[in-house]
C-alpha atoms as a PDB file:
ATOM      1  CA  MET A   1      52.862   4.103 -71.455  1.00  0.00           C
ATOM      2  CA  ASP A   2      52.392   5.500 -74.470  1.00  0.00           C
ATOM      3  CA  ALA A   3      49.902   7.099 -75.557  1.00  0.00           C
ATOM      4  CA  GLY A   4      47.369   4.161 -77.323  1.00  0.00           C
ATOM      5  CA  ARG A   5      48.719   1.409 -74.929  1.00  0.00           C
ATOM      6  CA  PHE A   6      46.722  -0.891 -73.368  1.00  0.00           C
ATOM      7  CA  ARG A   7      48.703  -3.567 -70.750  1.00  0.00           C
ATOM      8  CA  VAL A   8      46.586  -6.366 -68.912  1.00  0.00           C
ATOM      9  CA  SER A   9      49.056  -8.218 -65.975  1.00  0.00           C
ATOM     10  CA  LEU A  10      48.233 -10.555 -63.649  1.00  0.00           C
ATOM     11  CA  HIS A  11      50.337 -10.395 -60.536  1.00  0.00           C
ATOM     12  CA  SER A  12      50.969 -12.553 -57.055  1.00  0.00           C
ATOM     13  CA  ALA A  13      48.102 -10.945 -54.138  1.00  0.00           C
ATOM     14  CA  ILE A  14      50.874 -12.186 -52.013  1.00  0.00           C
ATOM     15  CA  SER A  15      54.239 -11.116 -53.488  1.00  0.00           C
ATOM     16  CA  GLY A  16      53.093  -8.319 -55.519  1.00  0.00           C
ATOM     17  CA  ARG A  17      55.289  -9.725 -59.100  1.00  0.00           C
ATOM     18  CA  ALA A  18      53.461  -9.890 -62.283  1.00  0.00           C
ATOM     19  CA  LEU A  19      53.032 -13.427 -62.949  1.00  0.00           C
ATOM     20  CA  GLN A  20      52.505 -12.752 -66.377  1.00  0.00           C
ATOM     21  CA  THR A  21      51.157 -10.448 -69.615  1.00  0.00           C
ATOM     22  CA  VAL A  22      47.979 -11.590 -70.086  1.00  0.00           C
ATOM     23  CA  VAL A  23      46.859  -8.211 -73.478  1.00  0.00           C
ATOM     24  CA  ASP A  24      49.590  -5.736 -74.074  1.00  0.00           C
ATOM     25  CA  VAL A  25      48.441  -4.213 -77.097  1.00  0.00           C
ATOM     26  CA  THR A  26      49.046  -0.864 -78.682  1.00  0.00           C
ATOM     27  CA  SER A  27      46.216   0.255 -81.217  1.00  0.00           C
ATOM     28  CA  VAL A  28      42.326  -0.033 -81.217  1.00  0.00           C
ATOM     29  CA  ALA A  29      41.713  -3.708 -80.734  1.00  0.00           C
ATOM     30  CA  ALA A  30      38.888  -5.658 -78.258  1.00  0.00           C
ATOM     31  CA  GLY A  31      39.817  -9.992 -78.125  1.00  0.00           C
ATOM     32  CA  GLU A  32      39.835 -12.579 -75.213  1.00  0.00           C
ATOM     33  CA  SER A  33      43.136 -13.335 -73.733  1.00  0.00           C
ATOM     34  CA  TYR A  34      43.394 -16.845 -71.855  1.00  0.00           C
ATOM     35  CA  VAL A  35      45.398 -16.878 -68.873  1.00  0.00           C
ATOM     36  CA  ALA A  36      46.814 -20.341 -67.189  1.00  0.00           C
ATOM     37  CA  ALA A  37      47.614 -19.795 -63.603  1.00  0.00           C
ATOM     38  CA  ASP A  38      48.131 -22.708 -60.362  1.00  0.00           C
ATOM     39  CA  PRO A  39      46.153 -21.879 -57.500  1.00  0.00           C
ATOM     40  CA  ARG A  40      46.769 -18.989 -55.917  1.00  0.00           C
ATOM     41  CA  MET A  41      44.964 -15.175 -54.798  1.00  0.00           C
ATOM     42  CA  SER A  42      45.995 -12.980 -57.410  1.00  0.00           C
ATOM     43  CA  TYR A  43      45.116  -9.398 -59.332  1.00  0.00           C
ATOM     44  CA  LEU A  44      45.051  -7.339 -62.245  1.00  0.00           C
ATOM     45  CA  VAL A  45      47.076  -5.111 -63.061  1.00  0.00           C
ATOM     46  CA  ILE A  46      45.214  -2.455 -65.894  1.00  0.00           C
ATOM     47  CA  GLU A  47      47.600  -0.006 -67.633  1.00  0.00           C
ATOM     48  CA  SER A  48      46.696   2.511 -70.322  1.00  0.00           C
ATOM     49  CA  ALA A  49      47.701   5.215 -71.853  1.00  0.00           C
ATOM     50  CA  GLY A  50      45.190   8.000 -73.926  1.00  0.00           C
ATOM     51  CA  VAL A  51      42.369   5.081 -74.182  1.00  0.00           C
ATOM     52  CA  ASP A  52      39.383   4.906 -72.564  1.00  0.00           C
ATOM     53  CA  TRP A  53      39.036   1.152 -71.899  1.00  0.00           C
ATOM     54  CA  THR A  54      36.331  -2.304 -70.430  1.00  0.00           C
ATOM     55  CA  ALA A  55      37.406  -5.387 -69.186  1.00  0.00           C
ATOM     56  CA  THR A  56      35.382  -8.472 -68.087  1.00  0.00           C
ATOM     57  CA  LEU A  57      37.305 -10.622 -65.528  1.00  0.00           C
ATOM     58  CA  GLU A  58      35.744 -14.327 -65.332  1.00  0.00           C
ATOM     59  CA  GLU A  59      37.237 -17.089 -63.071  1.00  0.00           C
ATOM     60  CA  ALA A  60      36.826 -20.443 -65.262  1.00  0.00           C
ATOM     61  CA  ALA A  61      37.905 -24.164 -63.387  1.00  0.00           C
ATOM     62  CA  ALA A  62      36.839 -27.192 -65.726  1.00  0.00           C
ATOM     63  CA  ASP A  63      39.983 -29.193 -63.649  1.00  0.00           C
ATOM     64  CA  PRO A  64      41.313 -28.413 -60.070  1.00  0.00           C
ATOM     65  CA  GLN A  65      44.656 -28.808 -60.217  1.00  0.00           C
ATOM     66  CA  ALA A  66      44.494 -25.418 -62.358  1.00  0.00           C
ATOM     67  CA  ARG A  67      42.983 -22.329 -63.203  1.00  0.00           C
ATOM     68  CA  THR A  68      41.846 -21.139 -66.887  1.00  0.00           C
ATOM     69  CA  ILE A  69      40.730 -16.967 -66.271  1.00  0.00           C
ATOM     70  CA  PRO A  70      38.929 -15.153 -69.905  1.00  0.00           C
ATOM     71  CA  PHE A  71      39.864 -11.811 -69.650  1.00  0.00           C
ATOM     72  CA  ARG A  72      37.452  -9.522 -72.557  1.00  0.00           C
ATOM     73  CA  GLY A  73      38.378  -6.532 -73.486  1.00  0.00           C
ATOM     74  CA  GLY A  74      40.072  -4.379 -74.756  1.00  0.00           C
ATOM     75  CA  PRO A  75      40.702   0.034 -75.914  1.00  0.00           C
ATOM     76  CA  GLY A  76      37.647   1.375 -77.653  1.00  0.00           C
ATOM     77  CA  GLY A  77      34.919   1.195 -74.650  1.00  0.00           C
ATOM     78  CA  PRO A  78      33.324   3.262 -72.195  1.00  0.00           C
ATOM     79  CA  ALA A  79      35.591   4.355 -69.480  1.00  0.00           C
ATOM     80  CA  ALA A  80      36.281   1.926 -66.590  1.00  0.00           C
ATOM     81  CA  ARG A  81      39.044   2.462 -63.851  1.00  0.00           C
END
């Protein structure tokens, strides 16, 4: 992984396969990403090189048929690994 890179992806807890990339940045940044995913067991994979970062995952379910996962974080925060 390149120095200064921060990547977050959502993976299936059953198969382990990557479902989608949530964040992929190569500079100091902050922000929010929203993921629309079918209800299922899943987990985040966070990859970073040469950056300190913080991340928060919140689950919201306004519609029982869809799940939106707000993700806040990015490089530049205190290390949280």
